[in-house]
Amino acid sequence: MSTIEIFTDGGCSGNPGPGAWAYFIVADGSEISGSGSVNISTNNRMELTAVIEALNKLEDLNVGKETSITVNTDSQYVKKGITEWIPVWAKNSWLNSKKKPVKNKDLWLLLRERAGKLNIKWNWVPGHAGVDYNERCDKLVRLEIKKLKN
């Protein structure tokens, strides 16, 4: 695999509430999907978890820095967090601009660690706008949440 596209989504029914995450990894004409859920979470935690789980799958597949990866997320929180905010938070002892502890620090640290091992371009895509794999991720998220409610 020389290039990989990842699409991710996460969400909750209520915020916080029952939450779920999903991803699609697309490479060489094939796709791998993954999804999961938790009883109580937040939208932002599920968005972060979706990306982390996709990167964990790449690690399982022994994907390294030689592979060009694009992560497509409909979460500005994820995209700006990993590309702009993390260096500032780390420099400021993981305090945000209001001098309060950064929310979801545990997941940001995991994401930074996983992403640091790979050659990733971060791309924001609009949610609910017809982007095929984003829509498919959203459908998996809704199915996972529905399973929790039954």
Protein backbone atom coordinates (compact mmCIF):
# COMPACT_ATOMS: atom_id res chain seq x y z
CA MET A 1 0.00 0.00 0.00
CA SER A 2 1.61 3.23 -1.12
CA THR A 3 -1.38 5.54 -0.54
CA ILE A 4 -4.24 5.14 1.90
CA GLU A 5 -7.37 7.19 2.47
CA ILE A 6 -9.10 7.04 5.83
CA PHE A 7 -12.57 8.35 6.56
CA THR A 8 -13.79 8.64 10.14
CA ASP A 9 -16.84 9.72 12.08
CA GLY A 10 -18.05 9.68 15.64
CA GLY A 11 -21.18 10.78 17.41
CA CYS A 12 -23.53 10.46 20.32
CA SER A 13 -27.26 10.34 20.92
CA GLY A 14 -27.27 13.25 23.33
CA ASN A 15 -23.99 14.90 24.24
CA PRO A 16 -23.00 13.19 26.48
CA GLY A 17 -24.95 10.05 25.71
CA PRO A 18 -24.60 6.67 24.04
CA GLY A 19 -21.71 7.08 21.60
CA ALA A 20 -20.15 5.36 18.63
CA TRP A 21 -17.29 5.67 16.16
CA ALA A 22 -16.53 4.28 12.71
CA TYR A 23 -13.86 4.32 10.03
CA PHE A 24 -13.18 3.17 6.49
CA ILE A 25 -9.64 2.57 5.26
CA VAL A 26 -9.43 2.61 1.46
CA ALA A 27 -6.32 1.37 -0.35
CA ASP A 28 -5.46 -0.51 -3.52
CA GLY A 29 -9.10 -0.91 -4.53
CA SER A 30 -10.13 -2.51 -1.26
CA GLU A 31 -11.62 -1.23 1.96
CA ILE A 32 -11.51 -2.12 5.64
CA SER A 33 -14.11 -0.81 8.05
CA GLY A 34 -14.35 -0.74 11.81
CA SER A 35 -16.82 0.55 14.35
CA GLY A 36 -17.64 0.39 18.02
CA SER A 37 -19.66 1.98 20.77
CA VAL A 38 -19.67 3.00 24.41
CA ASN A 39 -22.58 3.53 26.78
CA ILE A 40 -21.76 7.15 27.64
CA SER A 41 -19.42 9.50 25.82
CA THR A 42 -19.25 12.83 24.02
CA ASN A 43 -19.22 13.63 20.31
CA ASN A 44 -15.63 14.87 20.51
CA ARG A 45 -14.39 11.73 22.27
CA MET A 46 -16.04 9.57 19.63
CA GLU A 47 -14.55 11.64 16.77
CA LEU A 48 -11.08 11.21 18.30
CA THR A 49 -11.64 7.51 18.98
CA ALA A 50 -12.60 6.90 15.35
CA VAL A 51 -9.26 8.26 14.11
CA ILE A 52 -7.25 6.47 16.81
CA GLU A 53 -8.94 3.13 16.00
CA ALA A 54 -8.23 3.58 12.28
CA LEU A 55 -4.56 4.34 13.01
CA ASN A 56 -4.42 1.33 15.33
CA LYS A 57 -5.65 -0.81 12.43
CA LEU A 58 -2.87 0.58 10.21
CA GLU A 59 -0.38 -0.36 12.91
CA ASP A 60 -1.81 -3.91 12.91
CA LEU A 61 -1.24 -3.94 9.12
CA ASN A 62 2.40 -2.78 9.57
CA VAL A 63 1.84 0.47 7.68
CA GLY A 64 4.73 2.89 8.18
CA LYS A 65 6.02 6.30 7.17
CA GLU A 66 6.71 5.18 3.60
CA THR A 67 2.94 5.16 2.97
CA SER A 68 1.11 8.41 2.18
CA ILE A 69 -2.05 8.61 4.28
CA THR A 70 -4.92 11.08 4.09
CA VAL A 71 -7.25 11.20 7.08
CA ASN A 72 -10.63 12.66 6.16
CA THR A 73 -12.68 13.87 9.12
CA ASP A 74 -15.81 15.97 9.36
CA SER A 75 -14.61 17.20 12.77
CA GLN A 76 -12.85 20.56 12.86
CA TYR A 77 -12.07 19.69 16.50
CA VAL A 78 -9.97 16.72 15.36
CA LYS A 79 -8.35 18.46 12.39
CA LYS A 80 -7.46 21.68 14.19
CA GLY A 81 -6.52 19.84 17.35
CA ILE A 82 -3.94 17.61 15.68
CA THR A 83 -2.61 20.21 13.22
CA GLU A 84 -2.72 23.44 15.25
CA TRP A 85 -3.61 23.09 18.93
CA ILE A 86 -1.53 20.15 20.22
CA PRO A 87 1.85 21.92 19.95
CA VAL A 88 0.45 24.90 21.87
CA TRP A 89 -1.20 22.71 24.52
CA ALA A 90 1.99 20.70 25.02
CA LYS A 91 4.03 23.90 25.37
CA ASN A 92 1.48 25.24 27.89
CA SER A 93 1.46 22.13 30.11
CA TRP A 94 -1.77 20.88 28.53
CA LEU A 95 -3.75 23.96 29.48
CA ASN A 96 -6.06 25.60 26.97
CA SER A 97 -6.23 29.33 26.17
CA LYS A 98 -8.42 29.84 29.26
CA LYS A 99 -5.74 28.16 31.44
CA LYS A 100 -8.04 25.17 32.03
CA PRO A 101 -6.97 21.55 31.51
CA VAL A 102 -7.40 20.40 27.91
CA LYS A 103 -10.43 18.14 27.55
CA ASN A 104 -9.77 14.63 26.23
CA LYS A 105 -6.04 14.90 26.92
CA ASP A 106 -5.80 11.09 27.16
CA LEU A 107 -7.08 10.71 23.60
CA TRP A 108 -5.03 13.62 22.23
CA LEU A 109 -1.87 12.01 23.63
CA LEU A 110 -2.77 8.68 22.02
CA LEU A 111 -3.57 10.35 18.70
CA ARG A 112 -0.33 12.33 18.72
CA GLU A 113 1.66 9.17 19.47
CA ARG A 114 -0.03 7.12 16.73
CA ALA A 115 0.07 9.91 14.13
CA GLY A 116 3.74 10.59 14.84
CA LYS A 117 4.65 7.18 13.41
CA LEU A 118 2.95 7.87 10.07
CA ASN A 119 3.00 10.20 7.07
CA ILE A 120 -0.45 11.81 7.42
CA LYS A 121 -2.20 14.64 5.62
CA TRP A 122 -5.24 15.85 7.59
CA ASN A 123 -8.30 16.80 5.55
CA TRP A 124 -11.61 18.23 6.71
CA VAL A 125 -14.71 17.14 4.78
CA PRO A 126 -18.18 18.58 5.33
CA GLY A 127 -20.49 16.24 7.23
CA HIS A 128 -23.85 15.19 5.77
CA ALA A 129 -22.86 16.61 2.38
CA GLY A 130 -22.80 13.49 0.22
CA VAL A 131 -19.13 12.50 0.68
CA ASP A 132 -19.57 8.75 0.13
CA TYR A 133 -17.29 7.24 2.77
CA ASN A 134 -18.17 9.96 5.29
CA GLU A 135 -21.85 9.09 4.83
CA ARG A 136 -21.03 5.40 5.22
CA CYS A 137 -19.16 6.12 8.46
CA ASP A 138 -22.13 8.13 9.72
CA LYS A 139 -24.43 5.19 8.95
CA LEU A 140 -22.19 2.80 10.91
CA VAL A 141 -22.16 5.23 13.85
CA ARG A 142 -25.97 5.39 13.86
CA LEU A 143 -26.20 1.57 13.67
CA GLU A 144 -23.81 1.17 16.62
CA ILE A 145 -25.81 3.66 18.71
CA LYS A 146 -29.05 1.89 17.77
CA LYS A 147 -27.57 -1.42 19.02
CA LEU A 148 -26.86 0.22 22.38
CA LYS A 149 -30.42 1.44 22.70
CA ASN A 150 -31.98 -1.99 21.98
